[in-house]
N, C-alpha and C. Protein backbone atom coordinates (compact mmCIF):
# COMPACT_ATOMS: atom_id res chain seq x y z
N UNK A 1 6.15 -48.57 1.15
CA UNK A 1 6.22 -47.76 -0.04
C UNK A 1 5.04 -46.80 -0.09
N UNK A 2 3.85 -47.31 0.13
CA UNK A 2 2.66 -46.48 0.10
C UNK A 2 2.71 -45.43 1.20
N UNK A 3 3.25 -45.79 2.36
CA UNK A 3 3.37 -44.86 3.46
C UNK A 3 4.31 -43.71 3.10
N UNK A 4 5.42 -44.03 2.42
CA UNK A 4 6.39 -43.02 2.01
C UNK A 4 5.76 -42.03 1.03
N UNK A 5 5.02 -42.54 0.08
CA UNK A 5 4.37 -41.67 -0.90
C UNK A 5 3.34 -40.77 -0.23
N UNK A 6 2.62 -41.31 0.73
CA UNK A 6 1.62 -40.52 1.45
C UNK A 6 2.29 -39.41 2.24
N UNK A 7 3.43 -39.72 2.88
CA UNK A 7 4.16 -38.72 3.66
C UNK A 7 4.71 -37.62 2.75
N UNK A 8 5.24 -38.02 1.61
CA UNK A 8 5.78 -37.04 0.65
C UNK A 8 4.65 -36.15 0.14
N UNK A 9 3.52 -36.76 -0.16
CA UNK A 9 2.38 -35.98 -0.66
C UNK A 9 1.89 -34.99 0.41
N UNK A 10 1.86 -35.41 1.65
CA UNK A 10 1.43 -34.54 2.75
C UNK A 10 2.38 -33.35 2.89
N UNK A 11 3.67 -33.63 2.83
CA UNK A 11 4.66 -32.54 2.92
C UNK A 11 4.54 -31.59 1.73
N UNK A 12 4.33 -32.16 0.56
CA UNK A 12 4.19 -31.32 -0.64
C UNK A 12 2.97 -30.41 -0.51
N UNK A 13 1.85 -30.95 -0.04
CA UNK A 13 0.63 -30.15 0.12
C UNK A 13 0.84 -29.03 1.14
N UNK A 14 1.51 -29.33 2.25
CA UNK A 14 1.80 -28.30 3.26
C UNK A 14 2.66 -27.19 2.67
N UNK A 15 3.68 -27.57 1.89
CA UNK A 15 4.55 -26.57 1.26
C UNK A 15 3.78 -25.74 0.26
N UNK A 16 2.88 -26.38 -0.50
CA UNK A 16 2.08 -25.65 -1.50
C UNK A 16 1.17 -24.65 -0.81
N UNK A 17 0.57 -25.05 0.32
CA UNK A 17 -0.32 -24.14 1.05
C UNK A 17 0.48 -22.96 1.59
N UNK A 18 1.67 -23.25 2.14
CA UNK A 18 2.53 -22.16 2.64
C UNK A 18 2.91 -21.20 1.51
N UNK A 19 3.28 -21.77 0.35
CA UNK A 19 3.64 -20.93 -0.79
C UNK A 19 2.45 -20.07 -1.22
N UNK A 20 1.26 -20.65 -1.23
CA UNK A 20 0.06 -19.90 -1.60
C UNK A 20 -0.21 -18.80 -0.60
N UNK A 21 -0.11 -19.12 0.69
CA UNK A 21 -0.32 -18.11 1.73
C UNK A 21 0.69 -16.98 1.62
N UNK A 22 1.93 -17.32 1.33
CA UNK A 22 2.98 -16.31 1.17
C UNK A 22 2.69 -15.43 -0.04
N UNK A 23 2.31 -16.04 -1.14
CA UNK A 23 2.00 -15.27 -2.35
C UNK A 23 0.81 -14.35 -2.10
N UNK A 24 -0.20 -14.86 -1.40
CA UNK A 24 -1.37 -14.04 -1.09
C UNK A 24 -0.97 -12.86 -0.20
N UNK A 25 -0.14 -13.12 0.80
CA UNK A 25 0.32 -12.05 1.70
C UNK A 25 1.11 -10.99 0.94
N UNK A 26 1.95 -11.42 0.00
CA UNK A 26 2.73 -10.47 -0.80
C UNK A 26 1.82 -9.59 -1.66
N UNK A 27 0.82 -10.21 -2.28
CA UNK A 27 -0.10 -9.44 -3.13
C UNK A 27 -0.93 -8.47 -2.29
N UNK A 28 -1.37 -8.91 -1.12
CA UNK A 28 -2.13 -8.03 -0.23
C UNK A 28 -1.28 -6.85 0.22
N UNK A 29 0.00 -7.09 0.48
CA UNK A 29 0.91 -6.00 0.88
C UNK A 29 1.06 -4.98 -0.24
N UNK A 30 1.15 -5.46 -1.48
CA UNK A 30 1.24 -4.55 -2.63
C UNK A 30 -0.03 -3.71 -2.76
N UNK A 31 -1.18 -4.36 -2.59
CA UNK A 31 -2.45 -3.65 -2.68
C UNK A 31 -2.54 -2.60 -1.57
N UNK A 32 -2.09 -2.97 -0.36
CA UNK A 32 -2.09 -2.01 0.76
C UNK A 32 -1.25 -0.79 0.42
N UNK A 33 -0.08 -1.01 -0.17
CA UNK A 33 0.81 0.10 -0.52
C UNK A 33 0.16 1.01 -1.56
N UNK A 34 -0.46 0.42 -2.57
CA UNK A 34 -1.13 1.21 -3.60
C UNK A 34 -2.26 2.02 -2.98
N UNK A 35 -3.01 1.42 -2.07
CA UNK A 35 -4.12 2.13 -1.44
C UNK A 35 -3.62 3.30 -0.59
N UNK A 36 -2.54 3.08 0.16
CA UNK A 36 -1.96 4.17 0.97
C UNK A 36 -1.55 5.33 0.07
N UNK A 37 -0.90 5.03 -1.04
CA UNK A 37 -0.46 6.08 -1.97
C UNK A 37 -1.67 6.79 -2.60
N UNK A 38 -2.71 6.04 -2.91
CA UNK A 38 -3.91 6.65 -3.51
C UNK A 38 -4.58 7.60 -2.52
N UNK A 39 -4.65 7.18 -1.23
CA UNK A 39 -5.24 8.07 -0.23
C UNK A 39 -4.39 9.34 -0.07
N UNK A 40 -3.07 9.20 -0.08
CA UNK A 40 -2.19 10.36 0.04
C UNK A 40 -2.36 11.30 -1.17
N UNK A 41 -2.47 10.72 -2.35
CA UNK A 41 -2.68 11.53 -3.55
C UNK A 41 -4.03 12.23 -3.51
N UNK A 42 -5.05 11.54 -3.00
CA UNK A 42 -6.38 12.14 -2.84
C UNK A 42 -6.29 13.36 -1.93
N UNK A 43 -5.59 13.21 -0.82
CA UNK A 43 -5.44 14.33 0.13
C UNK A 43 -4.71 15.49 -0.52
N UNK A 44 -3.64 15.18 -1.28
CA UNK A 44 -2.90 16.27 -1.96
C UNK A 44 -3.77 16.95 -3.01
N UNK A 45 -4.65 16.19 -3.65
CA UNK A 45 -5.49 16.78 -4.71
C UNK A 45 -6.54 17.72 -4.14
N UNK A 46 -6.75 17.69 -2.82
CA UNK A 46 -7.71 18.58 -2.19
C UNK A 46 -7.06 19.85 -1.64
N UNK A 47 -5.74 19.89 -1.63
CA UNK A 47 -5.05 21.06 -1.09
C UNK A 47 -5.25 22.27 -2.00
N UNK A 48 -5.11 23.46 -1.40
CA UNK A 48 -5.21 24.67 -2.20
C UNK A 48 -4.04 24.73 -3.18
N UNK A 49 -4.32 25.24 -4.36
CA UNK A 49 -3.23 25.41 -5.31
C UNK A 49 -2.96 26.90 -5.48
N UNK A 50 -1.72 27.22 -5.71
CA UNK A 50 -1.33 28.61 -5.91
C UNK A 50 -1.30 28.90 -7.41
N UNK A 51 -1.90 30.03 -7.76
CA UNK A 51 -1.94 30.43 -9.17
C UNK A 51 -1.23 31.77 -9.28
N UNK A 52 -0.27 31.84 -10.17
CA UNK A 52 0.49 33.08 -10.36
C UNK A 52 0.05 33.73 -11.66
N UNK A 53 -0.05 35.06 -11.62
CA UNK A 53 -0.32 35.81 -12.85
C UNK A 53 0.69 36.96 -12.90
N UNK A 54 1.05 37.32 -14.10
CA UNK A 54 2.08 38.34 -14.28
C UNK A 54 1.57 39.43 -15.20
N UNK A 55 1.82 40.68 -14.82
CA UNK A 55 1.48 41.83 -15.65
C UNK A 55 2.74 42.62 -15.92
N UNK A 56 2.81 43.17 -17.11
CA UNK A 56 3.92 44.06 -17.44
C UNK A 56 3.37 45.41 -17.84
N UNK A 57 4.05 46.45 -17.38
CA UNK A 57 3.66 47.81 -17.74
C UNK A 57 4.88 48.47 -18.38
N UNK A 58 4.68 49.05 -19.55
CA UNK A 58 5.78 49.70 -20.28
C UNK A 58 5.55 51.21 -20.23
N UNK A 59 6.34 51.88 -19.42
CA UNK A 59 6.24 53.35 -19.32
C UNK A 59 7.30 53.96 -20.23
N UNK A 60 6.86 54.83 -21.17
CA UNK A 60 7.84 55.44 -22.09
C UNK A 60 8.67 56.52 -21.38
N UNK A 61 9.92 56.53 -21.71
CA UNK A 61 10.83 57.58 -21.22
C UNK A 61 11.41 58.24 -22.48
N UNK A 62 11.13 59.53 -22.61
CA UNK A 62 11.62 60.27 -23.78
C UNK A 62 12.85 61.06 -23.36
N UNK A 63 13.89 60.98 -24.19
CA UNK A 63 15.13 61.70 -23.90
C UNK A 63 15.82 62.03 -25.21
N UNK A 64 16.79 62.89 -25.17
CA UNK A 64 17.51 63.28 -26.39
C UNK A 64 18.90 62.69 -26.36
N UNK A 65 19.30 62.22 -27.53
CA UNK A 65 20.65 61.68 -27.60
C UNK A 65 21.65 62.82 -27.78
N UNK A 66 22.92 62.50 -28.01
CA UNK A 66 23.98 63.49 -28.11
C UNK A 66 23.77 64.43 -29.29
N UNK A 67 23.05 64.03 -30.31
CA UNK A 67 22.81 64.86 -31.49
C UNK A 67 21.52 65.65 -31.35
N UNK A 68 20.83 65.47 -30.22
CA UNK A 68 19.61 66.22 -29.99
C UNK A 68 18.37 65.55 -30.54
N UNK A 69 18.51 64.35 -31.03
CA UNK A 69 17.35 63.64 -31.56
C UNK A 69 16.60 62.99 -30.41
N UNK A 70 15.26 63.08 -30.43
CA UNK A 70 14.50 62.45 -29.34
C UNK A 70 14.58 60.92 -29.45
N UNK A 71 14.72 60.32 -28.33
CA UNK A 71 14.79 58.86 -28.24
C UNK A 71 13.73 58.40 -27.22
N UNK A 72 13.26 57.20 -27.44
CA UNK A 72 12.27 56.65 -26.50
C UNK A 72 12.80 55.29 -26.02
N UNK A 73 12.79 55.14 -24.76
CA UNK A 73 13.04 53.83 -24.14
C UNK A 73 11.87 53.56 -23.20
N UNK A 74 11.78 52.37 -22.79
CA UNK A 74 10.66 52.00 -21.93
C UNK A 74 11.17 51.44 -20.62
N UNK A 75 10.55 51.92 -19.58
CA UNK A 75 10.80 51.36 -18.26
C UNK A 75 9.74 50.28 -18.07
N UNK A 76 10.21 49.07 -17.83
CA UNK A 76 9.28 47.94 -17.70
C UNK A 76 9.08 47.64 -16.22
N UNK A 77 7.80 47.65 -15.86
CA UNK A 77 7.44 47.27 -14.50
C UNK A 77 6.72 45.93 -14.57
N UNK A 78 7.18 45.00 -13.77
CA UNK A 78 6.53 43.69 -13.72
C UNK A 78 5.85 43.53 -12.37
N UNK A 79 4.65 43.00 -12.43
CA UNK A 79 3.90 42.74 -11.21
C UNK A 79 3.44 41.27 -11.26
N UNK A 80 3.80 40.56 -10.22
CA UNK A 80 3.38 39.17 -10.12
C UNK A 80 2.40 39.07 -8.97
N UNK A 81 1.27 38.45 -9.25
CA UNK A 81 0.24 38.27 -8.24
C UNK A 81 0.07 36.78 -7.98
N UNK A 82 -0.10 36.46 -6.72
CA UNK A 82 -0.32 35.08 -6.32
C UNK A 82 -1.70 34.99 -5.66
N UNK A 83 -2.42 33.95 -6.02
CA UNK A 83 -3.69 33.72 -5.35
C UNK A 83 -3.83 32.23 -5.10
N UNK A 84 -4.61 31.91 -4.10
CA UNK A 84 -4.84 30.50 -3.76
C UNK A 84 -6.27 30.14 -4.13
N UNK A 85 -6.40 28.90 -4.60
CA UNK A 85 -7.71 28.43 -5.03
C UNK A 85 -7.92 27.02 -4.47
N UNK A 86 -9.08 26.81 -3.86
CA UNK A 86 -9.40 25.49 -3.32
C UNK A 86 -9.70 24.50 -4.42
N UNK A 87 -9.54 23.22 -4.09
CA UNK A 87 -9.81 22.16 -5.06
C UNK A 87 -10.70 21.10 -4.41
N UNK A 88 -11.53 20.49 -5.20
CA UNK A 88 -12.46 19.48 -4.70
C UNK A 88 -11.81 18.11 -4.56
N UNK A 89 -10.70 17.89 -5.21
CA UNK A 89 -10.04 16.58 -5.18
C UNK A 89 -10.30 15.82 -6.47
N UNK A 90 -9.32 15.02 -6.85
CA UNK A 90 -9.41 14.26 -8.10
C UNK A 90 -10.06 12.91 -7.83
N UNK A 91 -11.24 12.66 -8.39
CA UNK A 91 -11.95 11.41 -8.12
C UNK A 91 -11.22 10.16 -8.63
N UNK A 92 -10.26 10.32 -9.52
CA UNK A 92 -9.52 9.16 -10.02
C UNK A 92 -8.79 8.44 -8.89
N UNK A 93 -8.35 9.18 -7.87
CA UNK A 93 -7.66 8.54 -6.75
C UNK A 93 -8.63 7.70 -5.92
N UNK A 94 -9.87 8.15 -5.79
CA UNK A 94 -10.86 7.35 -5.06
C UNK A 94 -11.21 6.08 -5.84
N UNK A 95 -11.17 6.16 -7.16
CA UNK A 95 -11.41 4.97 -7.97
C UNK A 95 -10.32 3.93 -7.72
N UNK A 96 -9.08 4.39 -7.58
CA UNK A 96 -7.98 3.48 -7.27
C UNK A 96 -8.20 2.83 -5.91
N UNK A 97 -8.63 3.62 -4.93
CA UNK A 97 -8.91 3.08 -3.59
C UNK A 97 -9.99 2.00 -3.67
N UNK A 98 -11.07 2.28 -4.40
CA UNK A 98 -12.15 1.29 -4.53
C UNK A 98 -11.67 0.02 -5.22
N UNK A 99 -10.82 0.15 -6.22
CA UNK A 99 -10.28 -1.04 -6.89
C UNK A 99 -9.42 -1.86 -5.94
N UNK A 100 -8.64 -1.17 -5.10
CA UNK A 100 -7.82 -1.88 -4.11
C UNK A 100 -8.71 -2.66 -3.13
N UNK A 101 -9.77 -2.01 -2.67
CA UNK A 101 -10.67 -2.67 -1.73
C UNK A 101 -11.33 -3.89 -2.39
N UNK A 102 -11.78 -3.73 -3.63
CA UNK A 102 -12.44 -4.83 -4.34
C UNK A 102 -11.46 -5.99 -4.55
N UNK A 103 -10.24 -5.68 -4.92
CA UNK A 103 -9.25 -6.74 -5.15
C UNK A 103 -8.91 -7.46 -3.85
N UNK A 104 -8.78 -6.71 -2.77
CA UNK A 104 -8.49 -7.31 -1.47
C UNK A 104 -9.64 -8.25 -1.06
N UNK A 105 -10.88 -7.80 -1.25
CA UNK A 105 -12.03 -8.64 -0.92
C UNK A 105 -12.04 -9.91 -1.76
N UNK A 106 -11.67 -9.77 -3.03
CA UNK A 106 -11.62 -10.94 -3.92
C UNK A 106 -10.56 -11.93 -3.44
N UNK A 107 -9.37 -11.44 -3.12
CA UNK A 107 -8.29 -12.32 -2.67
C UNK A 107 -8.64 -13.01 -1.36
N UNK A 108 -9.29 -12.29 -0.46
CA UNK A 108 -9.65 -12.86 0.84
C UNK A 108 -10.94 -13.67 0.80
N UNK A 109 -11.62 -13.64 -0.34
CA UNK A 109 -12.85 -14.42 -0.48
C UNK A 109 -14.03 -13.80 0.25
N UNK A 110 -14.04 -12.48 0.39
CA UNK A 110 -15.10 -11.80 1.13
C UNK A 110 -16.30 -11.44 0.25
N UNK A 111 -16.16 -11.59 -1.05
CA UNK A 111 -17.27 -11.27 -1.95
C UNK A 111 -18.38 -12.31 -1.79
N UNK A 112 -19.60 -11.84 -1.86
CA UNK A 112 -20.74 -12.76 -1.82
C UNK A 112 -20.73 -13.60 -3.08
N UNK A 113 -21.07 -14.86 -2.98
CA UNK A 113 -21.08 -15.69 -4.19
C UNK A 113 -22.14 -15.20 -5.16
N UNK A 114 -21.83 -15.33 -6.44
CA UNK A 114 -22.79 -14.94 -7.47
C UNK A 114 -23.83 -16.04 -7.61
N UNK A 115 -25.06 -15.62 -7.79
CA UNK A 115 -26.14 -16.58 -7.97
C UNK A 115 -26.67 -16.48 -9.39
N UNK A 116 -26.98 -17.63 -9.93
CA UNK A 116 -27.51 -17.68 -11.29
C UNK A 116 -28.78 -18.53 -11.29
N UNK A 117 -29.75 -18.05 -12.01
CA UNK A 117 -30.96 -18.85 -12.22
C UNK A 117 -30.77 -19.59 -13.53
N UNK A 118 -30.64 -20.89 -13.42
CA UNK A 118 -30.39 -21.70 -14.61
C UNK A 118 -31.68 -22.41 -15.00
N UNK A 119 -32.06 -22.19 -16.24
CA UNK A 119 -33.21 -22.92 -16.78
C UNK A 119 -32.63 -24.15 -17.49
N UNK A 120 -32.65 -25.28 -16.80
CA UNK A 120 -32.01 -26.48 -17.31
C UNK A 120 -32.61 -26.94 -18.63
N UNK A 121 -33.88 -26.66 -18.85
CA UNK A 121 -34.52 -27.07 -20.10
C UNK A 121 -33.99 -26.30 -21.30
N UNK A 122 -33.47 -25.07 -21.05
CA UNK A 122 -32.99 -24.23 -22.14
C UNK A 122 -31.50 -24.44 -22.46
N UNK A 123 -30.79 -25.24 -21.66
CA UNK A 123 -29.37 -25.46 -21.90
C UNK A 123 -29.15 -26.39 -23.09
N UNK A 124 -28.13 -26.08 -23.85
CA UNK A 124 -27.75 -26.97 -24.95
C UNK A 124 -26.92 -28.12 -24.37
N UNK A 125 -26.81 -29.21 -25.08
CA UNK A 125 -25.97 -30.32 -24.59
C UNK A 125 -24.52 -29.86 -24.36
N UNK A 126 -24.04 -28.97 -25.21
CA UNK A 126 -22.67 -28.47 -25.06
C UNK A 126 -22.53 -27.67 -23.76
N UNK A 127 -23.53 -26.85 -23.43
CA UNK A 127 -23.49 -26.10 -22.18
C UNK A 127 -23.55 -27.03 -20.98
N UNK A 128 -24.36 -28.07 -21.06
CA UNK A 128 -24.44 -29.05 -19.98
C UNK A 128 -23.08 -29.72 -19.75
N UNK A 129 -22.41 -30.06 -20.85
CA UNK A 129 -21.08 -30.69 -20.74
C UNK A 129 -20.08 -29.72 -20.10
N UNK A 130 -20.12 -28.47 -20.52
CA UNK A 130 -19.19 -27.48 -19.96
C UNK A 130 -19.43 -27.30 -18.46
N UNK A 131 -20.69 -27.25 -18.06
CA UNK A 131 -21.00 -27.13 -16.63
C UNK A 131 -20.53 -28.37 -15.88
N UNK A 132 -20.70 -29.54 -16.49
CA UNK A 132 -20.28 -30.79 -15.86
C UNK A 132 -18.76 -30.84 -15.69
N UNK A 133 -18.03 -30.20 -16.61
CA UNK A 133 -16.56 -30.14 -16.51
C UNK A 133 -16.09 -29.11 -15.48
N UNK A 134 -17.05 -28.32 -14.94
CA UNK A 134 -16.69 -27.36 -13.89
C UNK A 134 -16.39 -25.95 -14.38
N UNK A 135 -16.74 -25.66 -15.63
CA UNK A 135 -16.54 -24.29 -16.13
C UNK A 135 -17.44 -23.35 -15.36
N UNK A 136 -17.00 -22.10 -15.17
CA UNK A 136 -17.83 -21.14 -14.44
C UNK A 136 -19.17 -20.91 -15.14
N UNK A 137 -20.22 -20.84 -14.34
CA UNK A 137 -21.58 -20.71 -14.86
C UNK A 137 -21.72 -19.46 -15.71
N UNK A 138 -21.14 -18.32 -15.24
CA UNK A 138 -21.29 -17.08 -15.98
C UNK A 138 -20.71 -17.17 -17.39
N UNK A 139 -19.60 -17.91 -17.54
CA UNK A 139 -19.00 -18.05 -18.88
C UNK A 139 -19.83 -18.97 -19.76
N UNK A 140 -20.35 -20.02 -19.17
CA UNK A 140 -21.16 -20.97 -19.96
C UNK A 140 -22.44 -20.29 -20.43
N UNK A 141 -23.08 -19.53 -19.57
CA UNK A 141 -24.35 -18.89 -19.93
C UNK A 141 -24.14 -17.71 -20.86
N UNK A 142 -22.96 -17.12 -20.85
CA UNK A 142 -22.69 -15.96 -21.71
C UNK A 142 -22.53 -16.38 -23.16
N UNK A 143 -22.14 -17.60 -23.39
CA UNK A 143 -21.88 -18.05 -24.77
C UNK A 143 -23.15 -18.36 -25.51
């Protein structure tokens, strides 16, 4: 009986690890996709943009109608000008890239561990209990 439970527990742990690895891989793939899109958007934000401006000129044409009365109409000339202007790029896309990198490092455990200087004499009994229960140090010290 004990052997059966141990075997079931071992299989369950292996399945849980596989599920965790799969979930991590899926999240990393999503982050990769977001980062690729952010880099592409960054590149597009650096491309030259075209700016159009339009001018209209109204030239009067004076003529007489059938009764001999002077009439005025206007000949309209439109001129459209195009110019190109360079762009420095939108820094918001680089912020997205940095967030992707930070999240990937967090998921992969590449971040350096945080260090805290704890003055044990200054801790309250409640803080000591929270630390003993395994609460994160930064949350216990922030309270």
